[in-house]
Amino acid sequence: MTKIQLLTQTEKVLNKISYASKAPKNVKGWELEVDPALGYAYDQGLRFGLVHSYEGQNWVPQTPLSDHQQNRFDSILSSLPKVDPLKQSILRDTYPILVQPIPGISPHTVGVHEDQWSPEEYYRAMMLSRLANLPLSQTYQSHQVSDWIRGMLDSYYRAHDILIPTTTELRLGSDKKFVTGALTITPESGTYFNMAVLDFESLYPGVVDVYNLSYETIQCGHPECQSNKVPGQDISICRQRRGIFSAIIGALRDLRIHYYKPLLKTLDSQTEDYRVTKAANSILKLVLVASYGVTVRIHGLASPLLGEAITAYGREVLQSTFDLARNEGLKPKYGDTDSVFLDNPSDQQIDKFTRQVRDKYKLELAYDRRYSVCVLSGAKKAYFGILPSGETEIKGLTVAKSNSPRFFLKTFQDCLAILGKGRTSAQEFEAAKLGTRAVVNNALSFLRQGKIPLADLEYRVELREDPRKMINARTLPQPYQAAVLAAESGQNVSRRQEVGFVKVRPFKHGGRTFTVKPTAQAKPAEVNVDDYVRNLLSLLDQTFEPMGIRLGARIASVPSLSEF
């Protein structure tokens, strides 16, 4: 049997073929992890989830297209570059299998109990079965996106007599254990009105496609390709051949962005066409989102150099886009991974800028949303915005994190509700800022009077260490203090478990000073009110500092509050 080696593109003659779960010593094995039944389906050109007919002593998938479907597909192809035959071929193969009608079958046929059956999930599973070429029973119950991507690649390799590379081969000789992450550009702290947020649609899948990033194109040995370096890396990308992973991801991205996503907006949600389109769009999105992650950490797909190249191009595109915006006078204030924040641009400026970026990078930069008011802190990934509707979006702020007390979040949200009333102009916003002080005063008044339920004062923290090993530590952090007390009361507390606790006035326990109790053991009279006041004011001051609001000093000095 003759197979093509993916990474070298050379033919390899396999003199003896046998099936084994483990390669014998001194013998190199390939495709040991491919289920023989799946391998047979791949080799015979069969496709799960489709009707087949028996033609010329072979079963052949049936993928007829109506004139309407064919016209839709032709419109996609006409808008894409004509110099990419491999991606065009993958598009021609993929589109027909996704638009076929979805048959009605019983849960029993899929091996699912009726109580676990969901029509929407069935549609998604059927689409995925076709796309990844995996059995429906597997795609309905498995949510491992890495298995889906591996199924797509393995199916393509086997259908084209390409030897599926081993895990070692995919590493390309690299011992790299970590991949540099995405770029976050330090925000320009302040309060901004009419802030526009532009997002790259599927940035990482986009750079995989545009820059031909694939297992067999990384570390190219062609002398003429050595100058085609990944930004900031000593990695050369091949110019002479199209990568299979790159072309597959590019084809799926084109189908979602240029076909399914816009089509979904035009269909009646009660129609069969809508349900099929929604399922396809959802599956394509999940696969595209995961296409970078699998190259970093998933056995059988991980290739650190490929992952490094993807993030490097992502960083380069974001920084260059940010710089271009500044050069165009658009006042960019923040950039994160695939988003750029522009201070008060006009619609015409946004349209012009997105066209410039599309022409320069062949990537889709799209308008995402506007904030009537956006407050950027000095920290990365921490801001909040007020939408034109008055709804607020909170990103990464400590005061709103899930392990912070609900009392903190509720007070913050009440402040945002007041600020939202002044979102229409800078003058109204300045007036609204004054109202936040009254909101905080009122919240602290309720706290000091003991009117806040203990459940709303609870911190929740995951135990990173086994609490039994922490008992003899010189300093016992608060989560472990709570764990000790919970264990003594008969609860089973272990590593990676979340514990809930309330901060109380210091007390002695087992010769140590404890400052927290599990929520179930705490009493309202024990609450360390001063600690909650101090922490809340500190967090709000950090959050509101860009707006020129300082709550701590004035509120803490109000005599009436200290007298409760």
Protein backbone atom coordinates (compact mmCIF):
# COMPACT_ATOMS: atom_id res chain seq x y z
CA MET A 1 0.00 0.00 0.00
CA THR A 2 1.27 3.47 -0.90
CA LYS A 3 0.47 6.48 1.27
CA ILE A 4 1.51 10.13 1.11
CA GLN A 5 3.27 11.52 4.17
CA LEU A 6 1.58 14.79 5.11
CA LEU A 7 4.62 16.68 6.38
CA THR A 8 7.09 15.70 3.65
CA GLN A 9 4.67 15.12 0.74
CA THR A 10 6.68 11.99 -0.13
CA GLU A 11 5.20 8.61 -0.94
CA LYS A 12 5.66 5.88 1.64
CA VAL A 13 5.22 2.24 0.71
CA LEU A 14 3.82 0.20 3.59
CA ASN A 15 4.92 -3.38 2.99
CA LYS A 16 2.80 -4.90 5.74
CA ILE A 17 -0.48 -3.62 7.08
CA SER A 18 -1.99 -4.94 10.30
CA TYR A 19 -4.43 -3.67 12.90
CA ALA A 20 -3.12 -3.35 16.43
CA SER A 21 -4.01 -1.31 19.49
CA LYS A 22 -0.32 -0.83 20.24
CA ALA A 23 2.69 -0.86 17.93
CA PRO A 24 5.17 -3.70 18.58
CA LYS A 25 8.66 -2.77 19.73
CA ASN A 26 10.98 -1.45 17.02
CA VAL A 27 8.03 -1.00 14.67
CA LYS A 28 6.57 2.42 13.91
CA GLY A 29 2.80 2.54 13.83
CA TRP A 30 0.39 5.01 12.32
CA GLU A 31 -3.32 5.57 12.77
CA LEU A 32 -3.47 3.34 15.84
CA GLU A 33 -6.12 5.57 17.40
CA VAL A 34 -8.47 5.50 14.40
CA ASP A 35 -11.44 3.22 15.03
CA PRO A 36 -11.30 0.50 12.31
CA ALA A 37 -15.01 0.99 11.60
CA LEU A 38 -14.45 4.71 11.04
CA GLY A 39 -11.38 3.95 8.95
CA TYR A 40 -13.47 1.70 6.72
CA ALA A 41 -16.09 4.42 6.25
CA TYR A 42 -13.38 6.96 5.41
CA ASP A 43 -11.67 4.65 2.92
CA GLN A 44 -14.94 3.80 1.17
CA GLY A 45 -16.00 7.43 0.79
CA LEU A 46 -19.02 6.99 3.06
CA ARG A 47 -20.49 9.94 4.94
CA PHE A 48 -22.42 9.62 8.20
CA GLY A 49 -25.77 11.40 8.41
CA LEU A 50 -26.55 11.13 4.69
CA VAL A 51 -28.71 8.90 2.52
CA HIS A 52 -26.62 6.58 0.29
CA SER A 53 -27.46 4.67 -2.88
CA TYR A 54 -25.81 1.53 -4.25
CA GLU A 55 -24.04 2.40 -7.51
CA GLY A 56 -21.49 0.28 -9.35
CA GLN A 57 -21.00 -2.09 -6.40
CA ASN A 58 -20.38 0.84 -4.05
CA TRP A 59 -22.49 2.87 -1.63
CA VAL A 60 -22.43 6.51 -2.68
CA PRO A 61 -23.64 9.49 -0.56
CA GLN A 62 -26.56 11.33 -2.14
CA THR A 63 -26.20 15.13 -2.04
CA PRO A 64 -28.56 16.63 -4.62
CA LEU A 65 -28.96 20.40 -4.74
CA SER A 66 -32.03 22.32 -5.79
CA ASP A 67 -31.60 25.18 -8.26
CA HIS A 68 -32.13 27.61 -5.40
CA GLN A 69 -29.42 25.96 -3.28
CA GLN A 70 -27.03 25.84 -6.23
CA ASN A 71 -27.57 29.53 -6.94
CA ARG A 72 -26.89 30.37 -3.31
CA PHE A 73 -23.65 28.41 -3.40
CA ASP A 74 -22.56 29.98 -6.68
CA SER A 75 -23.01 33.40 -5.10
CA ILE A 76 -20.62 32.39 -2.30
CA LEU A 77 -17.97 31.18 -4.72
CA SER A 78 -18.24 34.30 -6.86
CA SER A 79 -17.32 36.47 -3.86
CA LEU A 80 -14.21 34.45 -2.95
CA PRO A 81 -10.72 34.43 -4.52
CA LYS A 82 -10.40 32.14 -7.53
CA VAL A 83 -6.74 31.27 -6.82
CA ASP A 84 -7.42 28.77 -4.03
CA PRO A 85 -8.38 25.48 -5.69
CA LEU A 86 -8.02 23.35 -2.54
CA LYS A 87 -10.37 25.52 -0.50
CA GLN A 88 -12.77 25.75 -3.44
CA SER A 89 -12.79 21.95 -3.63
CA ILE A 90 -13.49 21.61 0.10
CA LEU A 91 -16.30 24.15 -0.18
CA ARG A 92 -17.83 22.20 -3.08
CA ASP A 93 -17.71 19.00 -1.00
CA THR A 94 -18.94 20.55 2.27
CA TYR A 95 -21.85 22.73 1.16
CA PRO A 96 -23.98 19.94 -0.36
CA ILE A 97 -23.72 17.70 2.71
CA LEU A 98 -24.84 20.50 5.05
CA VAL A 99 -27.94 21.57 3.11
CA GLN A 100 -29.54 18.13 2.81
CA PRO A 101 -32.91 17.66 4.56
CA ILE A 102 -32.73 16.31 8.08
CA PRO A 103 -34.82 13.12 8.46
CA GLY A 104 -37.07 12.57 11.44
CA ILE A 105 -35.90 9.64 13.56
CA SER A 106 -36.71 8.36 17.03
CA PRO A 107 -34.51 8.87 20.10
CA HIS A 108 -34.24 5.07 20.34
CA THR A 109 -32.47 4.95 16.97
CA VAL A 110 -29.76 7.27 18.28
CA GLY A 111 -29.50 5.38 21.56
CA VAL A 112 -30.90 8.24 23.63
CA HIS A 113 -33.65 8.04 26.24
CA GLU A 114 -36.71 10.16 25.45
CA ASP A 115 -36.16 12.25 28.59
CA GLN A 116 -32.77 13.31 27.20
CA TRP A 117 -34.03 13.99 23.68
CA SER A 118 -33.97 17.52 22.28
CA PRO A 119 -35.05 18.30 18.69
CA GLU A 120 -32.66 21.25 18.56
CA GLU A 121 -29.79 19.10 19.81
CA TYR A 122 -30.70 16.44 17.26
CA TYR A 123 -30.44 18.94 14.41
CA ARG A 124 -27.01 20.04 15.65
CA ALA A 125 -25.87 16.45 16.07
CA MET A 126 -27.01 15.52 12.56
CA MET A 127 -25.16 18.49 11.06
CA LEU A 128 -22.07 17.58 13.03
CA SER A 129 -22.31 13.93 12.02
CA ARG A 130 -22.16 15.01 8.38
CA LEU A 131 -19.46 17.61 8.83
CA ALA A 132 -17.08 15.61 11.06
CA ASN A 133 -18.06 12.27 9.48
CA LEU A 134 -18.81 10.68 12.84
CA PRO A 135 -21.72 8.42 13.89
CA LEU A 136 -24.86 10.25 15.01
CA SER A 137 -24.87 8.35 18.32
CA GLN A 138 -21.47 9.87 19.05
CA THR A 139 -22.18 13.44 17.95
CA TYR A 140 -25.45 13.62 19.89
CA GLN A 141 -23.86 12.68 23.19
CA SER A 142 -20.29 13.94 22.83
CA HIS A 143 -19.39 17.60 23.11
CA GLN A 144 -15.65 17.16 22.58
CA VAL A 145 -14.98 19.64 19.78
CA SER A 146 -11.49 18.20 19.39
CA ASP A 147 -13.06 14.88 18.31
CA TRP A 148 -15.05 16.74 15.68
CA ILE A 149 -11.97 18.44 14.23
CA ARG A 150 -9.99 15.20 14.34
CA GLY A 151 -12.84 13.47 12.51
CA MET A 152 -12.77 16.09 9.73
CA LEU A 153 -9.01 15.80 9.29
CA ASP A 154 -8.82 12.01 9.52
CA SER A 155 -11.67 11.64 7.05
CA TYR A 156 -9.95 13.95 4.56
CA TYR A 157 -6.54 12.30 4.98
CA ARG A 158 -7.86 8.78 4.50
CA ALA A 159 -9.99 9.77 1.51
CA HIS A 160 -6.88 11.19 -0.18
CA ASP A 161 -4.44 8.40 0.78
CA ILE A 162 -2.56 10.65 3.19
CA LEU A 163 -0.95 8.94 6.17
CA ILE A 164 -2.36 10.48 9.36
CA PRO A 165 0.68 11.94 11.19
CA THR A 166 1.57 10.72 14.66
CA THR A 167 1.54 12.92 17.76
CA THR A 168 5.34 13.06 17.68
CA GLU A 169 5.42 14.05 14.02
CA LEU A 170 2.99 16.92 14.64
CA ARG A 171 5.37 18.48 17.17
CA LEU A 172 7.87 19.04 14.33
CA GLY A 173 10.79 18.41 16.66
CA SER A 174 9.77 21.19 19.05
CA ASP A 175 9.93 20.73 22.83
CA LYS A 176 7.93 23.93 23.42
CA LYS A 177 5.46 23.48 26.28
CA PHE A 178 3.76 26.87 26.26
CA VAL A 179 2.37 29.11 23.55
CA THR A 180 2.35 32.90 23.82
CA GLY A 181 -1.20 34.16 24.15
CA ALA A 182 -3.20 36.96 22.58
CA LEU A 183 -2.33 40.65 22.62
CA THR A 184 -4.07 43.06 24.96
CA ILE A 185 -3.23 46.72 24.40
CA THR A 186 -3.20 48.72 27.63
CA PRO A 187 -6.37 50.83 27.80
CA GLU A 188 -6.26 54.59 27.99
CA SER A 189 -8.09 55.05 31.27
CA GLY A 190 -11.05 57.41 31.16
CA THR A 191 -14.73 57.97 30.49
CA TYR A 192 -15.76 57.93 26.83
CA PHE A 193 -19.03 58.74 25.12
CA ASN A 194 -20.26 56.98 21.98
CA MET A 195 -17.49 54.38 22.06
CA ALA A 196 -17.60 51.99 19.09
CA VAL A 197 -16.34 48.42 19.40
CA LEU A 198 -15.14 46.66 16.25
CA ASP A 199 -14.50 42.90 16.25
CA PHE A 200 -12.68 40.63 13.85
CA GLU A 201 -15.02 37.84 12.85
CA SER A 202 -13.23 34.57 13.66
CA LEU A 203 -9.77 36.16 13.90
CA TYR A 204 -7.75 33.00 14.58
CA PRO A 205 -9.54 30.91 11.93
CA GLY A 206 -9.04 33.89 9.63
CA VAL A 207 -5.26 34.04 10.08
CA VAL A 208 -5.10 30.24 9.75
CA ASP A 209 -6.71 30.63 6.33
CA VAL A 210 -5.13 33.85 5.07
CA TYR A 211 -1.57 33.05 6.16
CA ASN A 212 -1.74 29.35 5.20
CA LEU A 213 -1.05 28.04 8.71
CA SER A 214 -1.19 24.25 8.70
CA TYR A 215 0.72 21.28 10.05
CA GLU A 216 2.56 20.70 6.78
CA THR A 217 3.29 24.37 5.99
CA ILE A 218 5.02 25.24 9.30
CA GLN A 219 8.83 25.14 9.38
CA CYS A 220 9.01 24.97 5.60
CA GLY A 221 12.33 23.77 4.24
CA HIS A 222 12.08 25.41 0.79
CA PRO A 223 14.90 27.98 0.37
CA GLU A 224 12.50 30.38 -1.36
CA CYS A 225 10.10 30.25 1.64
CA GLN A 226 12.65 31.15 4.33
CA SER A 227 11.85 34.85 4.10
CA ASN A 228 8.16 34.20 4.80
CA LYS A 229 8.59 34.37 8.57
CA VAL A 230 5.91 34.43 11.26
CA PRO A 231 6.04 37.87 12.98
CA GLY A 232 8.51 37.75 15.86
CA GLN A 233 9.21 34.02 15.38
CA ASP A 234 11.86 31.97 13.63
CA ILE A 235 9.18 29.98 11.83
CA SER A 236 8.89 29.89 8.04
CA ILE A 237 5.57 29.33 6.27
CA CYS A 238 5.39 27.53 2.94
CA ARG A 239 4.35 29.55 -0.09
CA GLN A 240 4.31 26.66 -2.54
CA ARG A 241 1.57 24.41 -1.22
CA ARG A 242 -1.78 24.99 0.42
CA GLY A 243 -2.18 23.52 3.90
CA ILE A 244 -5.06 21.09 4.40
CA PHE A 245 -5.93 22.26 7.94
CA SER A 246 -5.74 25.85 6.72
CA ALA A 247 -8.00 25.20 3.73
CA ILE A 248 -10.59 23.25 5.77
CA ILE A 249 -10.82 25.93 8.47
CA GLY A 250 -10.90 28.63 5.80
CA ALA A 251 -13.74 26.89 3.96
CA LEU A 252 -15.80 26.51 7.14
CA ARG A 253 -15.17 30.15 8.03
CA ASP A 254 -16.32 31.29 4.58
CA LEU A 255 -19.46 29.18 4.82
CA ARG A 256 -20.37 30.66 8.18
CA ILE A 257 -19.51 34.32 7.50
CA HIS A 258 -20.65 34.57 3.89
CA TYR A 259 -23.56 32.14 3.89
CA TYR A 260 -25.09 30.80 7.10
CA LYS A 261 -24.76 33.85 9.34
CA PRO A 262 -26.41 36.32 6.92
CA LEU A 263 -28.95 33.72 5.74
CA LEU A 264 -30.13 33.07 9.29
CA LYS A 265 -31.26 36.69 9.62
CA THR A 266 -33.58 36.39 6.61
CA LEU A 267 -35.48 33.21 7.51
CA ASP A 268 -38.73 32.66 9.39
CA SER A 269 -37.82 31.05 12.72
CA GLN A 270 -40.75 28.62 12.39
CA THR A 271 -39.51 27.02 9.16
CA GLU A 272 -37.48 23.89 8.57
CA ASP A 273 -34.97 25.92 6.58
CA TYR A 274 -34.35 28.11 9.62
CA ARG A 275 -33.78 25.12 11.93
CA VAL A 276 -31.31 23.53 9.52
CA THR A 277 -29.49 26.83 9.00
CA LYS A 278 -29.35 27.57 12.72
CA ALA A 279 -27.91 24.14 13.47
CA ALA A 280 -25.24 24.49 10.78
CA ASN A 281 -24.30 28.00 11.89
CA SER A 282 -24.01 26.88 15.52
CA ILE A 283 -21.79 23.90 14.73
CA LEU A 284 -19.55 25.90 12.41
CA LYS A 285 -19.09 28.54 15.10
CA LEU A 286 -18.08 25.95 17.72
CA VAL A 287 -15.57 24.31 15.38
CA LEU A 288 -14.03 27.65 14.38
CA VAL A 289 -13.72 28.83 17.98
CA ALA A 290 -11.91 25.60 18.91
CA SER A 291 -9.65 25.46 15.85
CA TYR A 292 -6.81 27.32 17.59
CA GLY A 293 -7.09 25.65 21.00
CA VAL A 294 -6.73 22.12 19.63
CA THR A 295 -3.34 23.00 18.14
CA VAL A 296 -2.05 23.88 21.61
CA ARG A 297 -3.24 21.20 24.02
CA ILE A 298 -5.18 18.33 22.43
CA HIS A 299 -3.48 14.96 21.97
CA GLY A 300 -3.34 14.01 18.31
CA LEU A 301 -3.86 17.60 17.15
CA ALA A 302 -1.37 19.61 19.22
CA SER A 303 1.46 21.29 17.33
CA PRO A 304 3.08 24.01 19.48
CA LEU A 305 4.75 25.72 16.52
CA LEU A 306 1.44 25.92 14.68
CA GLY A 307 -0.27 27.32 17.78
CA GLU A 308 2.54 29.85 18.20
CA ALA A 309 2.21 30.96 14.59
CA ILE A 310 -1.56 31.46 14.95
CA THR A 311 -1.31 33.69 18.02
CA ALA A 312 1.68 35.58 16.57
CA TYR A 313 -0.29 36.56 13.48
CA GLY A 314 -3.27 37.40 15.69
CA ARG A 315 -1.12 39.78 17.75
CA GLU A 316 0.38 41.32 14.63
CA VAL A 317 -3.04 41.94 13.05
CA LEU A 318 -4.48 43.53 16.20
CA GLN A 319 -1.48 45.82 16.76
CA SER A 320 -1.34 46.86 13.11
CA THR A 321 -5.09 47.54 13.09
CA PHE A 322 -4.77 49.63 16.25
CA ASP A 323 -1.89 51.60 14.71
CA LEU A 324 -3.82 52.08 11.46
CA ALA A 325 -6.79 53.45 13.41
CA ARG A 326 -4.53 55.93 15.18
CA ASN A 327 -2.95 57.02 11.88
CA GLU A 328 -6.43 57.56 10.44
CA GLY A 329 -7.33 59.83 13.35
CA LEU A 330 -9.90 57.42 14.80
CA LYS A 331 -8.67 57.65 18.42
CA PRO A 332 -8.36 53.98 19.43
CA LYS A 333 -8.46 53.64 23.23
CA TYR A 334 -8.20 49.91 23.85
CA GLY A 335 -7.52 46.65 22.03
CA ASP A 336 -8.00 43.09 23.22
CA THR A 337 -7.41 39.85 21.28
CA ASP A 338 -9.74 40.58 18.35
CA SER A 339 -11.45 43.84 19.35
CA VAL A 340 -10.65 47.53 18.90
CA PHE A 341 -12.37 50.33 20.84
CA LEU A 342 -12.72 53.64 18.96
CA ASP A 343 -13.66 56.91 20.64
CA ASN A 344 -16.74 58.49 19.03
CA PRO A 345 -16.23 57.63 15.34
CA SER A 346 -18.90 58.38 12.75
CA ASP A 347 -20.62 55.59 10.82
CA GLN A 348 -18.81 56.75 7.68
CA GLN A 349 -15.44 56.50 9.41
CA ILE A 350 -16.25 52.98 10.60
CA ASP A 351 -17.29 51.87 7.11
CA LYS A 352 -14.13 53.28 5.56
CA PHE A 353 -11.89 51.77 8.24
CA THR A 354 -13.38 48.27 8.03
CA ARG A 355 -12.88 48.34 4.25
CA GLN A 356 -9.25 49.38 4.71
CA VAL A 357 -8.63 46.51 7.11
CA ARG A 358 -10.40 44.03 4.82
CA ASP A 359 -8.31 45.13 1.85
CA LYS A 360 -5.07 45.02 3.83
CA TYR A 361 -5.47 41.71 5.68
CA LYS A 362 -8.28 39.89 3.82
CA LEU A 363 -9.95 39.58 7.23
CA GLU A 364 -13.43 40.67 8.26
CA LEU A 365 -13.47 43.52 10.79
CA ALA A 366 -17.09 44.29 11.66
CA TYR A 367 -18.98 46.80 13.76
CA ASP A 368 -20.12 45.05 16.92
CA ARG A 369 -21.73 47.62 19.23
CA ARG A 370 -21.65 51.13 20.60
CA TYR A 371 -21.56 52.17 24.23
CA SER A 372 -23.27 55.43 25.07
CA VAL A 373 -20.78 55.56 27.93
CA CYS A 374 -17.70 53.37 28.31
CA VAL A 375 -15.43 53.55 31.35
CA LEU A 376 -11.98 52.04 30.88
CA SER A 377 -9.90 51.36 33.96
CA GLY A 378 -6.12 51.37 33.83
CA ALA A 379 -6.15 47.58 33.99
CA LYS A 380 -6.45 45.25 31.02
CA LYS A 381 -9.69 43.32 30.48
CA ALA A 382 -11.54 45.43 33.05
CA TYR A 383 -14.19 47.95 31.97
CA PHE A 384 -17.90 48.60 31.86
CA GLY A 385 -20.16 50.10 29.24
CA ILE A 386 -23.68 51.47 29.14
CA LEU A 387 -25.54 50.65 25.94
CA PRO A 388 -27.98 53.08 24.27
CA SER A 389 -30.83 51.03 25.78
CA GLY A 390 -29.50 51.68 29.28
CA GLU A 391 -28.39 48.08 29.70
CA THR A 392 -24.91 47.68 31.18
CA GLU A 393 -22.08 45.32 30.27
CA ILE A 394 -19.42 44.57 32.89
CA LYS A 395 -16.12 42.93 31.91
CA GLY A 396 -13.48 41.68 34.32
CA LEU A 397 -14.08 44.11 37.19
CA THR A 398 -13.26 42.65 40.60
CA VAL A 399 -16.38 44.14 42.17
CA ALA A 400 -18.51 42.07 39.78
CA LYS A 401 -16.59 38.77 39.81
CA SER A 402 -18.50 35.62 40.68
CA ASN A 403 -16.57 35.01 43.91
CA SER A 404 -17.35 38.49 45.27
CA PRO A 405 -20.34 38.96 47.59
CA ARG A 406 -23.67 39.58 45.88
CA PHE A 407 -23.98 42.67 48.07
CA PHE A 408 -21.01 44.23 46.25
CA LEU A 409 -22.42 43.45 42.81
CA LYS A 410 -25.90 44.69 43.74
CA THR A 411 -24.49 48.00 45.01
CA PHE A 412 -22.40 48.38 41.86
CA GLN A 413 -25.37 47.62 39.61
CA ASP A 414 -27.48 50.18 41.48
CA CYS A 415 -24.75 52.75 40.82
CA LEU A 416 -24.73 51.83 37.13
CA ALA A 417 -28.50 52.23 36.96
CA ILE A 418 -28.11 55.81 38.19
CA LEU A 419 -25.24 56.47 35.77
CA GLY A 420 -27.30 55.02 32.93
CA LYS A 421 -29.84 57.79 33.34
CA GLY A 422 -27.18 60.28 32.27
CA ARG A 423 -25.97 58.34 29.25
CA THR A 424 -27.33 60.73 26.60
CA SER A 425 -24.84 63.58 27.18
CA ALA A 426 -21.72 64.49 29.10
CA GLN A 427 -23.63 67.11 31.08
CA GLU A 428 -26.33 64.65 32.17
CA PHE A 429 -23.69 62.08 33.03
CA GLU A 430 -21.89 64.52 35.33
CA ALA A 431 -25.17 65.11 37.16
CA ALA A 432 -25.84 61.37 37.40
CA LYS A 433 -22.42 60.76 38.95
CA LEU A 434 -23.53 62.67 42.03
CA GLY A 435 -26.28 60.11 42.60
CA THR A 436 -23.84 57.24 43.11
CA ARG A 437 -22.83 58.61 46.49
CA ALA A 438 -26.41 58.36 47.77
CA VAL A 439 -26.67 54.78 46.46
CA VAL A 440 -23.54 53.71 48.32
CA ASN A 441 -24.56 55.58 51.48
CA ASN A 442 -27.88 53.75 51.46
CA ALA A 443 -26.23 50.34 50.91
CA LEU A 444 -23.77 50.88 53.77
CA SER A 445 -26.58 52.04 56.01
CA PHE A 446 -28.42 48.75 55.42
CA LEU A 447 -25.18 46.84 56.05
CA ARG A 448 -24.51 48.55 59.36
CA GLN A 449 -28.08 47.94 60.47
CA GLY A 450 -27.70 44.21 59.79
CA LYS A 451 -30.31 44.22 57.02
CA ILE A 452 -28.13 42.48 54.42
CA PRO A 453 -28.72 38.68 54.37
CA LEU A 454 -25.65 36.58 55.14
CA ALA A 455 -26.04 34.84 51.77
CA ASP A 456 -25.44 38.22 50.06
CA LEU A 457 -22.24 38.73 52.09
CA GLU A 458 -20.79 35.37 51.12
CA TYR A 459 -17.45 34.98 49.34
CA ARG A 460 -17.01 31.82 47.28
CA VAL A 461 -13.51 30.52 46.59
CA GLU A 462 -12.22 27.28 45.08
CA LEU A 463 -9.71 25.37 47.23
CA ARG A 464 -6.52 24.95 45.19
CA GLU A 465 -4.87 22.72 47.80
CA ASP A 466 -6.04 19.80 49.91
CA PRO A 467 -7.32 21.50 53.09
CA ARG A 468 -5.95 18.63 55.22
CA LYS A 469 -2.43 19.50 54.08
CA MET A 470 -2.93 23.15 54.98
CA ILE A 471 -3.85 22.60 58.63
CA ASN A 472 -0.27 22.95 59.88
CA ALA A 473 0.61 25.90 57.63
CA ARG A 474 2.04 28.90 59.46
CA THR A 475 -0.58 31.16 57.89
CA LEU A 476 -4.01 29.74 57.14
CA PRO A 477 -5.75 31.69 54.33
CA GLN A 478 -9.40 32.54 54.85
CA PRO A 479 -10.84 29.89 52.48
CA TYR A 480 -8.99 27.19 54.43
CA GLN A 481 -10.16 28.62 57.74
CA ALA A 482 -13.70 28.09 56.46
CA ALA A 483 -12.77 24.60 55.22
CA VAL A 484 -11.41 23.61 58.64
CA LEU A 485 -14.57 24.76 60.40
CA ALA A 486 -16.79 23.06 57.82
CA ALA A 487 -14.87 19.78 58.16
CA GLU A 488 -15.14 19.91 61.95
CA SER A 489 -18.91 20.19 61.60
CA GLY A 490 -18.99 16.94 59.60
CA GLN A 491 -18.83 18.24 56.03
CA ASN A 492 -16.61 16.55 53.46
CA VAL A 493 -14.34 19.29 52.10
CA SER A 494 -11.71 18.52 49.45
CA ARG A 495 -9.40 20.08 46.88
CA ARG A 496 -11.05 21.87 43.93
CA GLN A 497 -14.24 22.28 45.94
CA GLU A 498 -15.80 25.69 46.42
CA VAL A 499 -16.28 26.95 49.96
CA GLY A 500 -18.57 29.79 50.96
CA PHE A 501 -17.73 31.99 53.92
CA VAL A 502 -18.55 35.28 55.60
CA LYS A 503 -15.97 37.62 57.10
CA VAL A 504 -16.48 37.96 60.84
CA ARG A 505 -14.76 39.74 63.70
CA PRO A 506 -11.51 37.94 64.66
CA PHE A 507 -11.84 35.03 67.10
CA LYS A 508 -9.57 32.32 68.50
CA HIS A 509 -9.86 28.73 67.31
CA GLY A 510 -7.35 25.98 68.06
CA GLY A 511 -4.76 28.51 69.14
CA ARG A 512 -5.12 30.52 65.93
CA THR A 513 -6.91 33.69 64.99
CA PHE A 514 -9.71 33.09 62.49
CA THR A 515 -11.44 35.89 60.58
CA VAL A 516 -14.10 33.97 58.63
CA LYS A 517 -16.79 31.37 59.20
CA PRO A 518 -18.70 29.14 56.78
CA THR A 519 -21.89 30.95 55.84
CA ALA A 520 -24.04 28.33 57.56
CA GLN A 521 -22.17 28.84 60.85
CA ALA A 522 -22.01 32.65 60.87
CA LYS A 523 -24.43 34.90 62.75
CA PRO A 524 -25.43 38.43 61.70
CA ALA A 525 -24.01 39.92 64.90
CA GLU A 526 -20.57 38.46 64.11
CA VAL A 527 -20.18 40.11 60.69
CA ASN A 528 -17.07 42.28 60.37
CA VAL A 529 -18.93 45.29 59.01
CA ASP A 530 -15.84 47.51 58.84
CA ASP A 531 -14.09 44.96 56.62
CA TYR A 532 -17.02 44.88 54.17
CA VAL A 533 -17.23 48.69 54.15
CA ARG A 534 -13.52 49.02 53.49
CA ASN A 535 -13.47 46.41 50.70
CA LEU A 536 -16.59 47.71 48.96
CA LEU A 537 -15.38 51.31 48.95
CA SER A 538 -11.94 50.26 47.76
CA LEU A 539 -13.38 48.26 44.85
CA LEU A 540 -15.80 51.00 43.85
CA ASP A 541 -13.07 53.63 44.01
CA GLN A 542 -10.87 51.52 41.70
CA THR A 543 -13.77 51.12 39.28
CA PHE A 544 -15.01 54.71 39.36
CA GLU A 545 -11.62 56.43 39.44
CA PRO A 546 -11.60 57.02 35.64
CA MET A 547 -14.83 59.02 36.12
CA GLY A 548 -13.28 61.18 38.83
CA ILE A 549 -15.47 59.67 41.56
CA ARG A 550 -13.90 59.06 44.98
CA LEU A 551 -16.35 57.51 47.41
CA GLY A 552 -14.15 56.16 50.17
CA ALA A 553 -12.89 59.23 52.02
CA ARG A 554 -16.16 61.16 52.10
CA ILE A 555 -18.49 58.28 52.88
CA ALA A 556 -16.23 56.78 55.53
CA SER A 557 -16.20 60.14 57.33
CA VAL A 558 -19.98 60.61 57.45
CA PRO A 559 -20.80 60.63 61.20
CA SER A 560 -24.31 59.24 60.84
CA LEU A 561 -23.05 56.00 59.32
CA SER A 562 -20.51 55.32 62.05
CA GLU A 563 -23.18 55.72 64.71
CA PHE A 564 -25.34 52.75 63.65
